[in-house]
Structures are given as C-alpha cells and as structure tokens.
Amino acid sequence: MLKIAICDDDETHISALRKMIGEWSESKPFAVIIYEYRSAEGFLFSYDSTPCDLMLLDIEMKKINGMELAKRLRKNGDMLPIIFITGYSEYMGEGYDVQALHFLLKPVKKEKLFDILDRYTEKHDPKKDIVLSCDDKSIRADPENIRYCEARGKKTEVHIADGNIHICHTGINELQKILGENFIFCHRSYLVNLLFIKSISKTEIEIDGGEKIPLSRRLYKEVNARFIEFYTGGANP
C-alpha cells in the first residue's frame, strides 16, 4: 500500500493530480490511497492521525505556503518525501534546504509525474519494511524512517521520523542486524541511521531536527569515516 497526500488550495489541480495518480496506479501490484488537503493547516491537523508515505505539495498557498510547511516538518525531524508543485522555478533553491524529492512545474505533465513515482517506488520497496514487536502491538516500519534506536535493558526504544517512539522486544544488537548497513553504533546504547545525521563532534551526534545523541570517543573515527563515505558517494542511501 502506498499512501500519497496531495496538498493544494486549488480544487482543479487536486482533481488533475488525483486522476493522473489513478492512471499510474492501475498497473501497480499495490494499492494506492490518496489523501487530499486544501491547506497546509488542514494537513498539519490530520497528519499525526493520518500519516502518508509521499506528499505532492503546492508551494503557492494562502496563509502557510508549501515551503513553510516543508520547513516546519524538517524542523521537527520529519523527512517525509515531498514533491513540490509550483509555477515558479525560483523556488528550487529553497527546495534544497528542505531536501525536496523533486519539483514539478505547472502544468504538471503526466509522463514526468509517472517517472518520479516509478523511481520513488523502486527505491522504497515495501518488502524492505520490518515488523517491530512491541508491548501491545506489532508495527510495520520502513528502516529509512527510523532516526535512531536506544537500548533499554533487553528492549529497544525506536525513534521514528514522524515523532513516534516505540518500545520493541528486540535487543539493540539483534535490531542492528535487521536494520542493515545504514545503521551504525555510535555508543554501546545508541544505534543511529546515517540518513539522519546532520553533524558529528567528538562527543555527540546531531540529527535532523536538532536532537543530539552521545558519541563514544572510541567510536568517533569509525562513525565519522562512515558519515563522510555515506555522503560523498561511497554508500547507497
């Protein structure tokens, strides 16, 4: 299942995007659910209870515009993939600041949208998701959305990009094997996702959103080397 949010204050644009996504999804082996929002405020009000995998976001909206909405999400550490829809190419510079997935200029061309969606689904294969066994339920999670993990005795506290925190029954060492090579120990009790590291000092790591987690001095060289390698093309996100 792929959940796509469309946020645009123009009903005509929403209708056109909905139609194109519907055509694209006809040949896909998974279901596509579309959520529609007429304002950034409406999206923010519903987002916690109705999370999505991908967002098509108009920039030119009243009150809170699309760029401001994206900045608010990133400030909170939320790395929701965003495809900006805009009539003005000058916004593209700001898009790099919020790590936009892509820009589409109006009027949106179907072929271009299809290509972006195809590339997104190829990279974000639902089969890569893991299941976390927690106290009261089992939770499906995409490893790319896990910011870091903290050992809590025999259990592990898993911090998700949407702000949720889950206590799972799997120990942190076993969880590292499940999560894969993008996750690295920075401390005996902390496992961090390289995708979310913003900066590294001798004693701590700052992740997207400003949160800081401890870095063991004995692990500094290894973590720093992996960080540099990851963001200079030596590893695949």
C-alpha atoms as a PDB file:
ATOM      1  CA  MET A   1       0.000   0.000   0.000  1.00  0.00           C
ATOM      2  CA  LEU A   2       1.246   3.479  -0.921  1.00  0.00           C
ATOM      3  CA  LYS A   3      -0.326   6.482   0.812  1.00  0.00           C
ATOM      4  CA  ILE A   4       0.016   9.768  -1.101  1.00  0.00           C
ATOM      5  CA  ALA A   5      -1.065  13.165   0.227  1.00  0.00           C
ATOM      6  CA  ILE A   6      -1.976  15.998  -2.143  1.00  0.00           C
ATOM      7  CA  CYS A   7      -1.919  19.450  -0.534  1.00  0.00           C
ATOM      8  CA  ASP A   8      -3.157  22.249  -2.799  1.00  0.00           C
ATOM      9  CA  ASP A   9      -5.664  25.058  -2.370  1.00  0.00           C
ATOM     10  CA  ASP A  10      -6.879  24.731  -5.964  1.00  0.00           C
ATOM     11  CA  GLU A  11      -9.531  22.031  -6.449  1.00  0.00           C
ATOM     12  CA  THR A  12      -8.763  21.871 -10.185  1.00  0.00           C
ATOM     13  CA  HIS A  13      -5.133  20.994  -9.510  1.00  0.00           C
ATOM     14  CA  ILE A  14      -6.102  18.381  -6.915  1.00  0.00           C
ATOM     15  CA  SER A  15      -8.525  16.763  -9.348  1.00  0.00           C
ATOM     16  CA  ALA A  16      -5.903  16.648 -12.122  1.00  0.00           C
ATOM     17  CA  LEU A  17      -3.271  15.102  -9.843  1.00  0.00           C
ATOM     18  CA  ARG A  18      -5.765  12.594  -8.456  1.00  0.00           C
ATOM     19  CA  LYS A  19      -6.657  11.490 -11.972  1.00  0.00           C
ATOM     20  CA  MET A  20      -3.006  11.103 -13.014  1.00  0.00           C
ATOM     21  CA  ILE A  21      -2.101   9.131  -9.881  1.00  0.00           C
ATOM     22  CA  GLY A  22      -5.104   6.898 -10.516  1.00  0.00           C
ATOM     23  CA  GLU A  23      -3.882   6.149 -14.044  1.00  0.00           C
ATOM     24  CA  TRP A  24      -0.363   5.485 -12.801  1.00  0.00           C
ATOM     25  CA  SER A  25      -1.548   3.086 -10.099  1.00  0.00           C
ATOM     26  CA  GLU A  26      -3.643   0.915 -12.458  1.00  0.00           C
ATOM     27  CA  SER A  27      -0.650  -1.216 -13.448  1.00  0.00           C
ATOM     28  CA  LYS A  28       0.904  -1.410  -9.974  1.00  0.00           C
ATOM     29  CA  PRO A  29       0.843  -4.530  -7.777  1.00  0.00           C
ATOM     30  CA  PHE A  30      -0.074  -2.496  -4.705  1.00  0.00           C
ATOM     31  CA  ALA A  31      -2.945  -0.307  -3.577  1.00  0.00           C
ATOM     32  CA  VAL A  32      -2.637   3.487  -3.654  1.00  0.00           C
ATOM     33  CA  ILE A  33      -4.555   5.642  -1.183  1.00  0.00           C
ATOM     34  CA  ILE A  34      -4.852   9.381  -1.827  1.00  0.00           C
ATOM     35  CA  TYR A  35      -5.446  11.934   0.933  1.00  0.00           C
ATOM     36  CA  GLU A  36      -6.475  15.440  -0.133  1.00  0.00           C
ATOM     37  CA  TYR A  37      -5.850  18.685   1.748  1.00  0.00           C
ATOM     38  CA  ARG A  38      -6.899  22.206   0.727  1.00  0.00           C
ATOM     39  CA  SER A  39      -4.430  23.949   3.051  1.00  0.00           C
ATOM     40  CA  ALA A  40      -1.221  23.419   4.973  1.00  0.00           C
ATOM     41  CA  GLU A  41      -3.202  23.909   8.167  1.00  0.00           C
ATOM     42  CA  GLY A  42      -5.542  21.068   7.205  1.00  0.00           C
ATOM     43  CA  PHE A  43      -2.596  18.778   6.541  1.00  0.00           C
ATOM     44  CA  LEU A  44      -0.915  19.584   9.862  1.00  0.00           C
ATOM     45  CA  PHE A  45      -4.167  18.998  11.743  1.00  0.00           C
ATOM     46  CA  SER A  46      -4.610  15.498  10.268  1.00  0.00           C
ATOM     47  CA  TYR A  47      -1.046  14.315   9.736  1.00  0.00           C
ATOM     48  CA  ASP A  48      -0.431  12.657  13.121  1.00  0.00           C
ATOM     49  CA  SER A  49      -3.554  10.520  12.825  1.00  0.00           C
ATOM     50  CA  THR A  50      -3.325  10.021   9.051  1.00  0.00           C
ATOM     51  CA  PRO A  51       0.359   9.551   8.118  1.00  0.00           C
ATOM     52  CA  CYS A  52       1.404   9.245   4.486  1.00  0.00           C
ATOM     53  CA  ASP A  53       4.398   7.919   2.541  1.00  0.00           C
ATOM     54  CA  LEU A  54       4.757  10.701  -0.010  1.00  0.00           C
ATOM     55  CA  MET A  55       3.435  14.230  -0.478  1.00  0.00           C
ATOM     56  CA  LEU A  56       2.614  16.315  -3.552  1.00  0.00           C
ATOM     57  CA  LEU A  57       2.757  19.868  -2.209  1.00  0.00           C
ATOM     58  CA  ASP A  58       1.767  23.109  -3.899  1.00  0.00           C
ATOM     59  CA  ILE A  59       4.049  25.985  -2.897  1.00  0.00           C
ATOM     60  CA  GLU A  60       1.778  28.951  -3.626  1.00  0.00           C
ATOM     61  CA  MET A  61      -0.949  28.635  -0.974  1.00  0.00           C
ATOM     62  CA  LYS A  62      -2.632  31.162   1.318  1.00  0.00           C
ATOM     63  CA  LYS A  63      -1.547  31.585   4.972  1.00  0.00           C
ATOM     64  CA  ILE A  64       1.066  28.824   5.388  1.00  0.00           C
ATOM     65  CA  ASN A  65       2.587  28.172   1.952  1.00  0.00           C
ATOM     66  CA  GLY A  66       4.074  24.874   0.858  1.00  0.00           C
ATOM     67  CA  MET A  67       7.691  25.839   1.503  1.00  0.00           C
ATOM     68  CA  GLU A  68       6.894  26.959   5.044  1.00  0.00           C
ATOM     69  CA  LEU A  69       5.035  23.693   5.668  1.00  0.00           C
ATOM     70  CA  ALA A  70       8.063  21.718   4.489  1.00  0.00           C
ATOM     71  CA  LYS A  71      10.361  23.734   6.761  1.00  0.00           C
ATOM     72  CA  ARG A  72       8.108  23.031   9.748  1.00  0.00           C
ATOM     73  CA  LEU A  73       8.222  19.300   9.036  1.00  0.00           C
ATOM     74  CA  ARG A  74      12.011  19.296   8.713  1.00  0.00           C
ATOM     75  CA  LYS A  75      12.423  21.346  11.886  1.00  0.00           C
ATOM     76  CA  ASN A  76      10.537  18.592  13.705  1.00  0.00           C
ATOM     77  CA  GLY A  77      12.841  15.964  12.215  1.00  0.00           C
ATOM     78  CA  ASP A  78      10.224  14.644   9.788  1.00  0.00           C
ATOM     79  CA  MET A  79      11.801  13.558   6.481  1.00  0.00           C
ATOM     80  CA  LEU A  80       8.530  12.882   4.645  1.00  0.00           C
ATOM     81  CA  PRO A  81       9.415  12.752   0.903  1.00  0.00           C
ATOM     82  CA  ILE A  82       7.993  15.882  -0.767  1.00  0.00           C
ATOM     83  CA  ILE A  83       7.385  16.587  -4.446  1.00  0.00           C
ATOM     84  CA  PHE A  84       6.802  20.312  -4.850  1.00  0.00           C
ATOM     85  CA  ILE A  85       4.289  21.582  -7.388  1.00  0.00           C
ATOM     86  CA  THR A  86       4.957  25.160  -8.486  1.00  0.00           C
ATOM     87  CA  GLY A  87       4.587  27.625 -11.318  1.00  0.00           C
ATOM     88  CA  TYR A  88       7.874  29.348 -10.491  1.00  0.00           C
ATOM     89  CA  SER A  89      11.324  27.832 -10.909  1.00  0.00           C
ATOM     90  CA  GLU A  90      12.956  30.284  -8.462  1.00  0.00           C
ATOM     91  CA  TYR A  91      11.700  28.191  -5.543  1.00  0.00           C
ATOM     92  CA  MET A  92      14.068  25.384  -6.456  1.00  0.00           C
ATOM     93  CA  GLY A  93      16.946  26.864  -4.452  1.00  0.00           C
ATOM     94  CA  GLU A  94      14.875  26.741  -1.255  1.00  0.00           C
ATOM     95  CA  GLY A  95      13.888  23.182  -2.095  1.00  0.00           C
ATOM     96  CA  TYR A  96      17.443  22.010  -1.487  1.00  0.00           C
ATOM     97  CA  ASP A  97      17.242  23.370   2.065  1.00  0.00           C
ATOM     98  CA  VAL A  98      14.292  21.083   2.851  1.00  0.00           C
ATOM     99  CA  GLN A  99      15.645  18.126   0.836  1.00  0.00           C
ATOM    100  CA  ALA A 100      12.763  18.039  -1.620  1.00  0.00           C
ATOM    101  CA  LEU A 101      12.433  14.793  -3.549  1.00  0.00           C
ATOM    102  CA  HIS A 102      11.615  16.663  -6.767  1.00  0.00           C
ATOM    103  CA  PHE A 103       9.990  19.721  -8.333  1.00  0.00           C
ATOM    104  CA  LEU A 104       7.213  19.645 -10.899  1.00  0.00           C
ATOM    105  CA  LEU A 105       6.371  22.813 -12.796  1.00  0.00           C
ATOM    106  CA  LYS A 106       2.755  23.637 -13.617  1.00  0.00           C
ATOM    107  CA  PRO A 107       1.034  22.456 -15.672  1.00  0.00           C
ATOM    108  CA  VAL A 108       2.178  19.030 -14.456  1.00  0.00           C
ATOM    109  CA  LYS A 109       2.987  16.620 -17.255  1.00  0.00           C
ATOM    110  CA  LYS A 110       1.685  13.111 -16.703  1.00  0.00           C
ATOM    111  CA  GLU A 111       4.808  11.410 -18.038  1.00  0.00           C
ATOM    112  CA  LYS A 112       7.043  13.391 -15.687  1.00  0.00           C
ATOM    113  CA  LEU A 113       4.903  12.568 -12.659  1.00  0.00           C
ATOM    114  CA  PHE A 114       4.821   8.887 -13.624  1.00  0.00           C
ATOM    115  CA  ASP A 115       8.617   8.804 -13.895  1.00  0.00           C
ATOM    116  CA  ILE A 116       9.090  10.351 -10.427  1.00  0.00           C
ATOM    117  CA  LEU A 117       6.567   7.986  -8.842  1.00  0.00           C
ATOM    118  CA  ASP A 118       8.197   4.980 -10.523  1.00  0.00           C
ATOM    119  CA  ARG A 119      11.622   5.948  -9.227  1.00  0.00           C
ATOM    120  CA  TYR A 120      10.258   6.542  -5.739  1.00  0.00           C
ATOM    121  CA  THR A 121       8.541   3.137  -5.539  1.00  0.00           C
ATOM    122  CA  GLU A 122      11.592   1.343  -6.924  1.00  0.00           C
ATOM    123  CA  LYS A 123      13.720   2.810  -4.142  1.00  0.00           C
ATOM    124  CA  HIS A 124      11.104   2.439  -1.395  1.00  0.00           C
ATOM    125  CA  ASP A 125      10.173  -1.175  -1.845  1.00  0.00           C
ATOM    126  CA  PRO A 126       7.553  -2.131   0.783  1.00  0.00           C
ATOM    127  CA  LYS A 127       9.300  -5.516   1.048  1.00  0.00           C
ATOM    128  CA  LYS A 128      12.157  -3.717   2.848  1.00  0.00           C
ATOM    129  CA  ASP A 129       9.836  -2.882   5.746  1.00  0.00           C
ATOM    130  CA  ILE A 130      10.396  -4.631   9.067  1.00  0.00           C
ATOM    131  CA  VAL A 131       7.948  -5.588  11.806  1.00  0.00           C
ATOM    132  CA  LEU A 132       8.618  -4.360  15.344  1.00  0.00           C
ATOM    133  CA  SER A 133       7.117  -6.490  18.102  1.00  0.00           C
ATOM    134  CA  CYS A 134       6.058  -4.049  20.822  1.00  0.00           C
ATOM    135  CA  ASP A 135       4.314  -4.412  24.174  1.00  0.00           C
ATOM    136  CA  ASP A 136       0.756  -4.036  22.921  1.00  0.00           C
ATOM    137  CA  LYS A 137       1.014  -4.444  19.130  1.00  0.00           C
ATOM    138  CA  SER A 138       3.183  -5.267  16.131  1.00  0.00           C
ATOM    139  CA  ILE A 139       4.232  -2.307  13.971  1.00  0.00           C
ATOM    140  CA  ARG A 140       5.405  -2.265  10.364  1.00  0.00           C
ATOM    141  CA  ALA A 141       8.228   0.237   9.834  1.00  0.00           C
ATOM    142  CA  ASP A 142      10.401   1.391   6.950  1.00  0.00           C
ATOM    143  CA  PRO A 143      14.037   1.378   8.178  1.00  0.00           C
ATOM    144  CA  GLU A 144      14.628   4.613   6.267  1.00  0.00           C
ATOM    145  CA  ASN A 145      12.158   6.334   8.597  1.00  0.00           C
ATOM    146  CA  ILE A 146      13.908   5.226  11.780  1.00  0.00           C
ATOM    147  CA  ARG A 147      16.107   8.020  13.128  1.00  0.00           C
ATOM    148  CA  TYR A 148      17.901   6.154  15.910  1.00  0.00           C
ATOM    149  CA  CYS A 149      17.481   3.391  18.482  1.00  0.00           C
ATOM    150  CA  GLU A 150      18.323   3.409  22.186  1.00  0.00           C
ATOM    151  CA  ALA A 151      18.870   0.303  24.303  1.00  0.00           C
ATOM    152  CA  ARG A 152      16.513  -0.071  27.261  1.00  0.00           C
ATOM    153  CA  GLY A 153      17.744  -3.190  29.018  1.00  0.00           C
ATOM    154  CA  LYS A 154      16.675  -6.164  26.893  1.00  0.00           C
ATOM    155  CA  LYS A 155      14.318  -3.945  24.894  1.00  0.00           C
ATOM    156  CA  THR A 156      14.969  -1.136  22.416  1.00  0.00           C
ATOM    157  CA  GLU A 157      13.419   2.313  22.106  1.00  0.00           C
ATOM    158  CA  VAL A 158      12.905   3.033  18.406  1.00  0.00           C
ATOM    159  CA  HIS A 159      12.588   6.685  17.362  1.00  0.00           C
ATOM    160  CA  ILE A 160      10.642   7.221  14.125  1.00  0.00           C
ATOM    161  CA  ALA A 161      10.884  10.275  11.840  1.00  0.00           C
ATOM    162  CA  ASP A 162       7.216  11.147  12.427  1.00  0.00           C
ATOM    163  CA  GLY A 163       7.971  11.716  16.114  1.00  0.00           C
ATOM    164  CA  ASN A 164       6.580   8.417  17.386  1.00  0.00           C
ATOM    165  CA  ILE A 165       8.637   6.303  19.795  1.00  0.00           C
ATOM    166  CA  HIS A 166       8.099   2.548  20.110  1.00  0.00           C
ATOM    167  CA  ILE A 167       9.489   0.136  22.701  1.00  0.00           C
ATOM    168  CA  CYS A 168      10.170  -3.152  20.920  1.00  0.00           C
ATOM    169  CA  HIS A 169      11.139  -6.519  22.403  1.00  0.00           C
ATOM    170  CA  THR A 170      14.181  -6.976  20.149  1.00  0.00           C
ATOM    171  CA  GLY A 171      17.569  -6.193  21.696  1.00  0.00           C
ATOM    172  CA  ILE A 172      19.612  -3.445  20.088  1.00  0.00           C
ATOM    173  CA  ASN A 173      22.360  -5.782  18.795  1.00  0.00           C
ATOM    174  CA  GLU A 174      19.851  -8.026  17.053  1.00  0.00           C
ATOM    175  CA  LEU A 175      17.990  -4.991  15.727  1.00  0.00           C
ATOM    176  CA  GLN A 176      21.167  -3.674  14.109  1.00  0.00           C
ATOM    177  CA  LYS A 177      21.431  -6.894  12.069  1.00  0.00           C
ATOM    178  CA  ILE A 178      17.828  -6.493  10.926  1.00  0.00           C
ATOM    179  CA  LEU A 179      18.079  -2.800  10.053  1.00  0.00           C
ATOM    180  CA  GLY A 180      21.172  -3.145   7.874  1.00  0.00           C
ATOM    181  CA  GLU A 181      24.304  -1.246   6.934  1.00  0.00           C
ATOM    182  CA  ASN A 182      22.873   2.292   7.107  1.00  0.00           C
ATOM    183  CA  PHE A 183      22.685   1.904  10.897  1.00  0.00           C
ATOM    184  CA  ILE A 184      25.846   2.270  12.946  1.00  0.00           C
ATOM    185  CA  PHE A 185      26.610   2.107  16.667  1.00  0.00           C
ATOM    186  CA  CYS A 186      27.770   5.490  17.963  1.00  0.00           C
ATOM    187  CA  HIS A 187      27.622   4.344  21.598  1.00  0.00           C
ATOM    188  CA  ARG A 188      27.003   0.978  23.218  1.00  0.00           C
ATOM    189  CA  SER A 189      23.402   2.040  23.862  1.00  0.00           C
ATOM    190  CA  TYR A 190      22.724   4.003  20.644  1.00  0.00           C
ATOM    191  CA  LEU A 191      22.266   2.955  17.043  1.00  0.00           C
ATOM    192  CA  VAL A 192      21.925   5.831  14.567  1.00  0.00           C
ATOM    193  CA  ASN A 193      20.660   5.942  10.989  1.00  0.00           C
ATOM    194  CA  LEU A 194      23.251   7.598   8.722  1.00  0.00           C
ATOM    195  CA  LEU A 195      20.403   9.129   6.718  1.00  0.00           C
ATOM    196  CA  PHE A 196      19.540  11.412   9.635  1.00  0.00           C
ATOM    197  CA  ILE A 197      22.976  12.544  10.813  1.00  0.00           C
ATOM    198  CA  LYS A 198      23.384  16.306  10.448  1.00  0.00           C
ATOM    199  CA  SER A 199      26.756  16.801  12.127  1.00  0.00           C
ATOM    200  CA  ILE A 200      29.323  14.993  14.268  1.00  0.00           C
ATOM    201  CA  SER A 201      31.535  16.302  17.081  1.00  0.00           C
ATOM    202  CA  LYS A 202      33.963  14.395  19.263  1.00  0.00           C
ATOM    203  CA  THR A 203      31.327  13.576  21.878  1.00  0.00           C
ATOM    204  CA  GLU A 204      27.901  13.759  20.225  1.00  0.00           C
ATOM    205  CA  ILE A 205      25.895  13.473  17.030  1.00  0.00           C
ATOM    206  CA  GLU A 206      23.271  15.973  15.951  1.00  0.00           C
ATOM    207  CA  ILE A 207      20.494  14.503  13.843  1.00  0.00           C
ATOM    208  CA  ASP A 208      17.947  16.243  11.630  1.00  0.00           C
ATOM    209  CA  GLY A 209      15.596  18.249  13.800  1.00  0.00           C
ATOM    210  CA  GLY A 210      18.334  19.263  16.256  1.00  0.00           C
ATOM    211  CA  GLU A 211      18.225  16.324  18.660  1.00  0.00           C
ATOM    212  CA  LYS A 212      21.627  15.225  19.994  1.00  0.00           C
ATOM    213  CA  ILE A 213      22.739  11.735  20.987  1.00  0.00           C
ATOM    214  CA  PRO A 214      26.034  10.684  22.639  1.00  0.00           C
ATOM    215  CA  LEU A 215      29.044   9.539  20.643  1.00  0.00           C
ATOM    216  CA  SER A 216      31.611   7.280  22.275  1.00  0.00           C
ATOM    217  CA  ARG A 217      35.180   8.571  21.904  1.00  0.00           C
ATOM    218  CA  ARG A 218      36.409   5.116  20.895  1.00  0.00           C
ATOM    219  CA  LEU A 219      33.833   5.027  18.070  1.00  0.00           C
ATOM    220  CA  TYR A 220      34.363   8.590  16.803  1.00  0.00           C
ATOM    221  CA  LYS A 221      36.812   7.731  13.994  1.00  0.00           C
ATOM    222  CA  GLU A 222      34.684   4.880  12.654  1.00  0.00           C
ATOM    223  CA  VAL A 223      31.425   6.840  12.776  1.00  0.00           C
ATOM    224  CA  ASN A 224      32.962   9.956  11.231  1.00  0.00           C
ATOM    225  CA  ALA A 225      34.539   7.909   8.422  1.00  0.00           C
ATOM    226  CA  ARG A 226      31.224   6.174   7.668  1.00  0.00           C
ATOM    227  CA  PHE A 227      29.416   9.539   7.715  1.00  0.00           C
ATOM    228  CA  ILE A 228      31.861  11.075   5.221  1.00  0.00           C
ATOM    229  CA  GLU A 229      31.790   7.984   2.996  1.00  0.00           C
ATOM    230  CA  PHE A 230      27.993   7.859   3.030  1.00  0.00           C
ATOM    231  CA  TYR A 231      27.554  11.456   1.886  1.00  0.00           C
ATOM    232  CA  THR A 232      30.359  11.516  -0.666  1.00  0.00           C
ATOM    233  CA  GLY A 233      29.050   8.657  -2.724  1.00  0.00           C
ATOM    234  CA  GLY A 234      30.741   5.728  -1.044  1.00  0.00           C
ATOM    235  CA  ALA A 235      27.433   4.240   0.197  1.00  0.00           C
ATOM    236  CA  ASN A 236      23.957   3.990  -1.182  1.00  0.00           C
ATOM    237  CA  PRO A 237      21.115   5.529   0.855  1.00  0.00           C
END
